[in-house]
Each structure stands twice: as C-alpha cells, then as structure tokens.
C-alpha atoms as a PDB file:
ATOM      1  CA  MET A   1      51.541   5.801   8.155  1.00  0.00           C
ATOM      2  CA  SER A   2      47.865   5.208   7.463  1.00  0.00           C
ATOM      3  CA  SER A   3      45.630   3.761  10.153  1.00  0.00           C
ATOM      4  CA  ALA A   4      45.034   0.639   8.097  1.00  0.00           C
ATOM      5  CA  ARG A   5      48.767   0.027   7.783  1.00  0.00           C
ATOM      6  CA  GLY A   6      49.256   0.675  11.493  1.00  0.00           C
ATOM      7  CA  TRP A   7      46.596  -1.867  12.429  1.00  0.00           C
ATOM      8  CA  SER A   8      48.097  -4.364   9.970  1.00  0.00           C
ATOM      9  CA  VAL A   9      51.528  -3.957  11.514  1.00  0.00           C
ATOM     10  CA  ALA A  10      50.074  -4.368  14.991  1.00  0.00           C
ATOM     11  CA  ALA A  11      48.267  -7.541  13.923  1.00  0.00           C
ATOM     12  CA  ALA A  12      51.450  -8.995  12.454  1.00  0.00           C
ATOM     13  CA  VAL A  13      53.556  -8.166  15.494  1.00  0.00           C
ATOM     14  CA  LEU A  14      50.992  -9.695  17.844  1.00  0.00           C
ATOM     15  CA  ALA A  15      50.655 -12.826  15.681  1.00  0.00           C
ATOM     16  CA  VAL A  16      54.413 -13.315  15.580  1.00  0.00           C
ATOM     17  CA  ALA A  17      54.625 -12.750  19.320  1.00  0.00           C
ATOM     18  CA  THR A  18      52.133 -15.543  19.936  1.00  0.00           C
ATOM     19  CA  LEU A  19      54.661 -18.043  18.639  1.00  0.00           C
ATOM     20  CA  GLY A  20      56.895 -17.341  21.649  1.00  0.00           C
ATOM     21  CA  LEU A  21      54.176 -17.180  24.294  1.00  0.00           C
ATOM     22  CA  PRO A  22      52.847 -20.073  26.385  1.00  0.00           C
ATOM     23  CA  TRP A  23      49.773 -21.983  25.129  1.00  0.00           C
ATOM     24  CA  SER A  24      47.728 -24.386  27.310  1.00  0.00           C
ATOM     25  CA  GLY A  25      50.282 -24.377  30.089  1.00  0.00           C
ATOM     26  CA  GLN A  26      53.056 -25.484  27.726  1.00  0.00           C
ATOM     27  CA  LEU A  27      56.417 -23.786  27.767  1.00  0.00           C
ATOM     28  CA  PRO A  28      57.117 -21.206  25.067  1.00  0.00           C
ATOM     29  CA  GLY A  29      58.411 -22.911  21.952  1.00  0.00           C
ATOM     30  CA  ALA A  30      56.669 -26.206  22.750  1.00  0.00           C
ATOM     31  CA  SER A  31      54.749 -27.662  19.868  1.00  0.00           C
ATOM     32  CA  SER A  32      51.061 -26.807  19.814  1.00  0.00           C
ATOM     33  CA  PRO A  33      48.476 -27.390  17.076  1.00  0.00           C
ATOM     34  CA  ALA A  34      47.347 -23.779  17.530  1.00  0.00           C
ATOM     35  CA  ARG A  35      50.683 -22.554  16.272  1.00  0.00           C
ATOM     36  CA  VAL A  36      49.848 -24.076  12.865  1.00  0.00           C
ATOM     37  CA  ALA A  37      46.785 -21.844  12.768  1.00  0.00           C
ATOM     38  CA  VAL A  38      48.957 -18.825  13.635  1.00  0.00           C
ATOM     39  CA  VAL A  39      51.349 -19.493  10.750  1.00  0.00           C
ATOM     40  CA  ALA A  40      48.496 -20.247   8.359  1.00  0.00           C
ATOM     41  CA  GLY A  41      46.709 -17.053   9.389  1.00  0.00           C
ATOM     42  CA  LEU A  42      49.855 -14.979   8.873  1.00  0.00           C
ATOM     43  CA  ALA A  43      50.426 -16.463   5.415  1.00  0.00           C
ATOM     44  CA  LEU A  44      46.820 -15.915   4.407  1.00  0.00           C
ATOM     45  CA  ALA A  45      46.756 -12.363   5.683  1.00  0.00           C
ATOM     46  CA  VAL A  46      49.966 -11.431   3.868  1.00  0.00           C
ATOM     47  CA  GLY A  47      48.672 -13.026   0.710  1.00  0.00           C
ATOM     48  CA  GLY A  48      45.333 -11.236   0.988  1.00  0.00           C
ATOM     49  CA  LEU A  49      46.932  -7.859   1.638  1.00  0.00           C
ATOM     50  CA  ARG A  50      49.437  -8.248  -1.210  1.00  0.00           C
ATOM     51  CA  THR A  51      47.017  -9.503  -3.815  1.00  0.00           C
ATOM     52  CA  GLY A  52      43.921  -7.562  -2.751  1.00  0.00           C
ATOM     53  CA  ARG A  53      41.869 -10.748  -2.374  1.00  0.00           C
ATOM     54  CA  ASP A  54      39.475 -10.176   0.515  1.00  0.00           C
ATOM     55  CA  ARG A  55      38.578 -13.865   0.775  1.00  0.00           C
ATOM     56  CA  LEU A  56      42.129 -14.606   1.908  1.00  0.00           C
ATOM     57  CA  LEU A  57      41.699 -12.101   4.678  1.00  0.00           C
ATOM     58  CA  THR A  58      38.469 -13.829   5.698  1.00  0.00           C
ATOM     59  CA  ALA A  59      40.337 -17.132   5.783  1.00  0.00           C
ATOM     60  CA  ALA A  60      43.097 -15.524   7.865  1.00  0.00           C
ATOM     61  CA  LEU A  61      40.505 -14.360  10.415  1.00  0.00           C
ATOM     62  CA  GLY A  62      39.004 -17.847  10.438  1.00  0.00           C
ATOM     63  CA  ALA A  63      42.431 -19.372  11.088  1.00  0.00           C
ATOM     64  CA  ALA A  64      42.936 -16.960  13.982  1.00  0.00           C
ATOM     65  CA  VAL A  65      39.585 -17.868  15.510  1.00  0.00           C
ATOM     66  CA  VAL A  66      40.401 -21.566  15.173  1.00  0.00           C
ATOM     67  CA  GLY A  67      43.802 -20.953  16.785  1.00  0.00           C
ATOM     68  CA  VAL A  68      42.199 -19.152  19.729  1.00  0.00           C
ATOM     69  CA  LEU A  69      39.594 -21.875  20.294  1.00  0.00           C
ATOM     70  CA  LEU A  70      41.812 -24.888  19.567  1.00  0.00           C
ATOM     71  CA  GLY A  71      42.469 -26.864  22.714  1.00  0.00           C
ATOM     72  CA  GLY A  72      40.026 -24.974  24.911  1.00  0.00           C
ATOM     73  CA  VAL A  73      39.211 -21.447  25.876  1.00  0.00           C
ATOM     74  CA  ASP A  74      41.558 -20.914  28.821  1.00  0.00           C
ATOM     75  CA  ALA A  75      43.042 -17.416  28.946  1.00  0.00           C
ATOM     76  CA  THR A  76      46.695 -18.065  28.208  1.00  0.00           C
ATOM     77  CA  SER A  77      48.943 -15.292  26.948  1.00  0.00           C
ATOM     78  CA  GLY A  78      49.298 -16.926  23.507  1.00  0.00           C
ATOM     79  CA  ARG A  79      45.543 -17.105  22.997  1.00  0.00           C
ATOM     80  CA  LEU A  80      44.990 -13.553  24.208  1.00  0.00           C
ATOM     81  CA  ALA A  81      47.714 -12.198  21.900  1.00  0.00           C
ATOM     82  CA  LEU A  82      46.219 -14.122  18.949  1.00  0.00           C
ATOM     83  CA  ALA A  83      42.737 -12.751  19.740  1.00  0.00           C
ATOM     84  CA  ALA A  84      44.213  -9.244  19.845  1.00  0.00           C
ATOM     85  CA  ALA A  85      45.934  -9.884  16.488  1.00  0.00           C
ATOM     86  CA  ALA A  86      42.583 -10.985  14.995  1.00  0.00           C
ATOM     87  CA  ALA A  87      40.940  -7.824  16.351  1.00  0.00           C
ATOM     88  CA  CYS A  88      43.701  -5.695  14.787  1.00  0.00           C
ATOM     89  CA  LEU A  89      43.182  -7.468  11.450  1.00  0.00           C
ATOM     90  CA  VAL A  90      39.480  -6.610  11.573  1.00  0.00           C
ATOM     91  CA  LEU A  91      40.276  -2.972  12.406  1.00  0.00           C
ATOM     92  CA  ALA A  92      42.849  -2.821   9.610  1.00  0.00           C
ATOM     93  CA  CYS A  93      40.360  -4.103   7.073  1.00  0.00           C
ATOM     94  CA  ARG A  94      37.709  -1.676   8.231  1.00  0.00           C
ATOM     95  CA  ALA A  95      40.120   1.246   8.051  1.00  0.00           C
ATOM     96  CA  ALA A  96      41.132   0.264   4.500  1.00  0.00           C
ATOM     97  CA  GLY A  97      37.541  -0.252   3.397  1.00  0.00           C
ATOM     98  CA  ARG A  98      38.063  -3.936   2.751  1.00  0.00           C
ATOM     99  CA  ARG A  99      35.358  -6.527   3.240  1.00  0.00           C
ATOM    100  CA  LEU A 100      36.023  -9.400   5.616  1.00  0.00           C
ATOM    101  CA  LEU A 101      32.670 -11.086   5.280  1.00  0.00           C
ATOM    102  CA  PRO A 102      31.098 -11.749   1.888  1.00  0.00           C
ATOM    103  CA  ALA A 103      28.327  -9.372   0.874  1.00  0.00           C
ATOM    104  CA  ARG A 104      24.791 -10.666   0.841  1.00  0.00           C
ATOM    105  CA  ARG A 105      23.405 -11.271  -2.553  1.00  0.00           C
ATOM    106  CA  VAL A 106      20.168  -9.492  -3.228  1.00  0.00           C
ATOM    107  CA  ARG A 107      17.664 -11.687  -4.931  1.00  0.00           C
ATOM    108  CA  SER A 108      15.548  -9.965  -7.499  1.00  0.00           C
ATOM    109  CA  SER A 109      11.968 -10.979  -7.890  1.00  0.00           C
ATOM    110  CA  ALA A 110      11.769 -11.453 -11.608  1.00  0.00           C
ATOM    111  CA  GLY A 111       8.267 -12.207 -12.787  1.00  0.00           C
END
C-alpha cells in the first residue's frame, strides 16, 4: 500500500468515526450541524480522489475545517477526530503529489 493510500484510508476511517463520537456535549448519534460538514467532506474527498479533480479535495478540506469550527472550538472527541482526518487528507495529498491549494498565477509584464 502506498503512503498516499494509507493516509487516505486513515482520513476516511477517522471521518467516519466522527459520526459516532460526541460533539458539543451531545450524545453520540445526536443531530449536529457539524455532521453535515463531515458527510459533505467525505463525499467531496471521494469524488476528488476518484476523478482526479484537486479542487474537490480543497473543498473537502474546507468542509472539514468548517466542521471543526462549527459551534465553537471546544475540544470534543468528534472535533479532534475530524481535525485528525483533515490532517491525514493533507498528508495523503502531499504524498500523492496533489495540490490542495490553487497555484499562484505568475503575471507577466508584457510591454
């Protein structure tokens, strides 16, 4: 298994695990708006990895960040697992040579 695939699997496992962990003092399985971000991030990441579209991976990372910050920054197990999943996604993209952030455009100084 390549390191990129390993990090991707770790990110997916952590993201799925967040759905069963407590968020904001709620019991596991209780509805939370952050869980929408988790599912959206998973769908975007899978789509980005399958189609090779790096912008979907950037959107997945954005959804994970929103999920972590939604409702406050208290250190609950769901938020920590989602932050770890986002870190694994970044490491997977780096290992695969994929770009998470858009490249800067170089402006030419034409006459």
